[in-house]
Amino acid sequence: MSRKLVGDLKVPFVLKGNFRQDDTSLHRALREALVNTLVHADYTDRASILVVKDPAGFVFRNPGVMRVPAEQALRGGESDCRNRTLHKSQMNDDSVKGKICVMRG
């Protein structure tokens, strides 16, 4: 993940065995949000992907409309991504496996 996105996030000192654990739940949530932004983007549109980091939080925006109802998306478990090859490649990556729900409140 880009240092621009997570470089200044606080990381508590936690050891896992003999190794420092630098991957916090916030890091995992941001990685999940970024992957979701990429795999669900409509690349045929002229709009671009936007990731904004400011003191109030993070904004992830991609072109295209949702392909599933909002209620279904919030429940999770069923995805209809536009970019299946990219999605499959990321699901094989241990760093993004797992279900982390990222919602804007």
Protein backbone atom coordinates (compact mmCIF):
# COMPACT_ATOMS: atom_id res chain seq x y z
CA MET A 1 0.00 0.00 0.00
CA SER A 2 1.20 3.49 -0.76
CA ARG A 3 3.20 5.23 1.96
CA LYS A 4 1.30 8.40 1.06
CA LEU A 5 -1.85 6.73 2.32
CA VAL A 6 -0.61 5.08 5.51
CA GLY A 7 2.81 6.63 6.19
CA ASP A 8 1.71 8.83 9.08
CA LEU A 9 -0.75 6.44 10.74
CA LYS A 10 0.11 5.54 14.29
CA VAL A 11 1.24 1.96 14.79
CA PRO A 12 1.30 0.60 18.35
CA PHE A 13 4.28 -1.51 19.34
CA VAL A 14 3.02 -5.11 19.22
CA LEU A 15 5.12 -8.23 18.86
CA LYS A 16 3.86 -11.37 17.16
CA GLY A 17 6.45 -13.94 18.10
CA ASN A 18 9.77 -12.24 17.41
CA PHE A 19 8.38 -9.85 14.80
CA ARG A 20 6.76 -6.46 15.14
CA GLN A 21 3.14 -6.39 13.97
CA ASP A 22 2.80 -3.24 11.82
CA ASP A 23 -0.49 -4.20 10.17
CA THR A 24 -3.30 -2.66 12.26
CA SER A 25 -7.04 -3.00 11.68
CA LEU A 26 -6.99 0.52 10.18
CA HIS A 27 -4.29 -0.51 7.70
CA ARG A 28 -6.36 -3.56 6.72
CA ALA A 29 -9.54 -1.49 6.35
CA LEU A 30 -7.77 1.05 4.12
CA ARG A 31 -6.29 -1.73 2.00
CA GLU A 32 -9.76 -3.28 1.63
CA ALA A 33 -11.29 0.07 0.69
CA LEU A 34 -8.57 0.67 -1.92
CA VAL A 35 -8.97 -2.81 -3.42
CA ASN A 36 -12.76 -2.37 -3.53
CA THR A 37 -12.32 0.99 -5.24
CA LEU A 38 -10.13 -0.59 -7.93
CA VAL A 39 -12.05 -3.81 -8.59
CA HIS A 40 -15.46 -2.14 -8.74
CA ALA A 41 -14.45 0.82 -10.93
CA ASP A 42 -15.96 1.30 -14.36
CA TYR A 43 -12.85 1.82 -16.49
CA THR A 44 -14.89 2.54 -19.62
CA ASP A 45 -15.96 5.85 -18.08
CA ARG A 46 -13.80 8.93 -18.58
CA ALA A 47 -13.84 9.71 -14.85
CA SER A 48 -10.91 8.64 -12.73
CA ILE A 49 -10.43 6.98 -9.38
CA LEU A 50 -9.99 9.42 -6.52
CA VAL A 51 -8.43 8.75 -3.12
CA VAL A 52 -8.35 11.68 -0.70
CA LYS A 53 -6.72 11.75 2.70
CA ASP A 54 -7.41 14.66 5.01
CA PRO A 55 -7.60 15.22 8.77
CA ALA A 56 -11.29 14.24 8.80
CA GLY A 57 -10.64 10.84 7.21
CA PHE A 58 -10.35 9.12 3.85
CA VAL A 59 -12.50 9.28 0.73
CA PHE A 60 -12.41 6.61 -1.97
CA ARG A 61 -14.35 7.27 -5.17
CA ASN A 62 -14.52 5.36 -8.42
CA PRO A 63 -16.45 5.86 -11.65
CA GLY A 64 -19.63 3.89 -12.26
CA VAL A 65 -22.78 3.04 -10.38
CA MET A 66 -23.32 0.21 -7.91
CA ARG A 67 -24.34 -3.04 -9.57
CA VAL A 68 -26.08 -4.40 -6.49
CA PRO A 69 -28.67 -2.73 -4.24
CA ALA A 70 -27.17 -0.74 -1.35
CA GLU A 71 -28.83 -3.02 1.23
CA GLN A 72 -27.18 -6.07 -0.31
CA ALA A 73 -23.80 -4.33 -0.44
CA LEU A 74 -24.03 -3.41 3.25
CA ARG A 75 -24.98 -6.98 4.19
CA GLY A 76 -21.94 -8.25 2.32
CA GLY A 77 -21.26 -11.72 1.06
CA GLU A 78 -22.43 -11.13 -2.53
CA SER A 79 -20.32 -9.13 -4.93
CA ASP A 80 -20.75 -8.26 -8.59
CA CYS A 81 -17.44 -6.67 -9.46
CA ARG A 82 -16.66 -5.32 -12.90
CA ASN A 83 -13.05 -6.45 -12.89
CA ARG A 84 -13.10 -10.13 -11.97
CA THR A 85 -9.50 -10.89 -12.93
CA LEU A 86 -8.18 -8.09 -10.72
CA HIS A 87 -10.54 -9.20 -7.94
CA LYS A 88 -9.35 -12.82 -8.13
CA SER A 89 -5.72 -11.75 -8.08
CA GLN A 90 -6.33 -9.70 -4.93
CA MET A 91 -8.30 -12.47 -3.22
CA ASN A 92 -5.26 -14.73 -3.65
CA ASP A 93 -3.16 -12.15 -1.80
CA ASP A 94 -3.05 -12.99 1.92
CA SER A 95 -2.71 -9.30 2.80
CA VAL A 96 -6.27 -8.52 1.63
CA LYS A 97 -8.06 -11.71 2.65
CA GLY A 98 -10.76 -11.46 5.24
CA LYS A 99 -13.97 -9.57 5.61
CA ILE A 100 -13.57 -6.01 6.78
CA CYS A 101 -16.66 -3.88 6.47
CA VAL A 102 -15.89 -0.32 5.50
CA MET A 103 -18.83 2.04 5.70
CA ARG A 104 -19.12 5.78 5.67
CA GLY A 105 -20.91 6.99 8.78
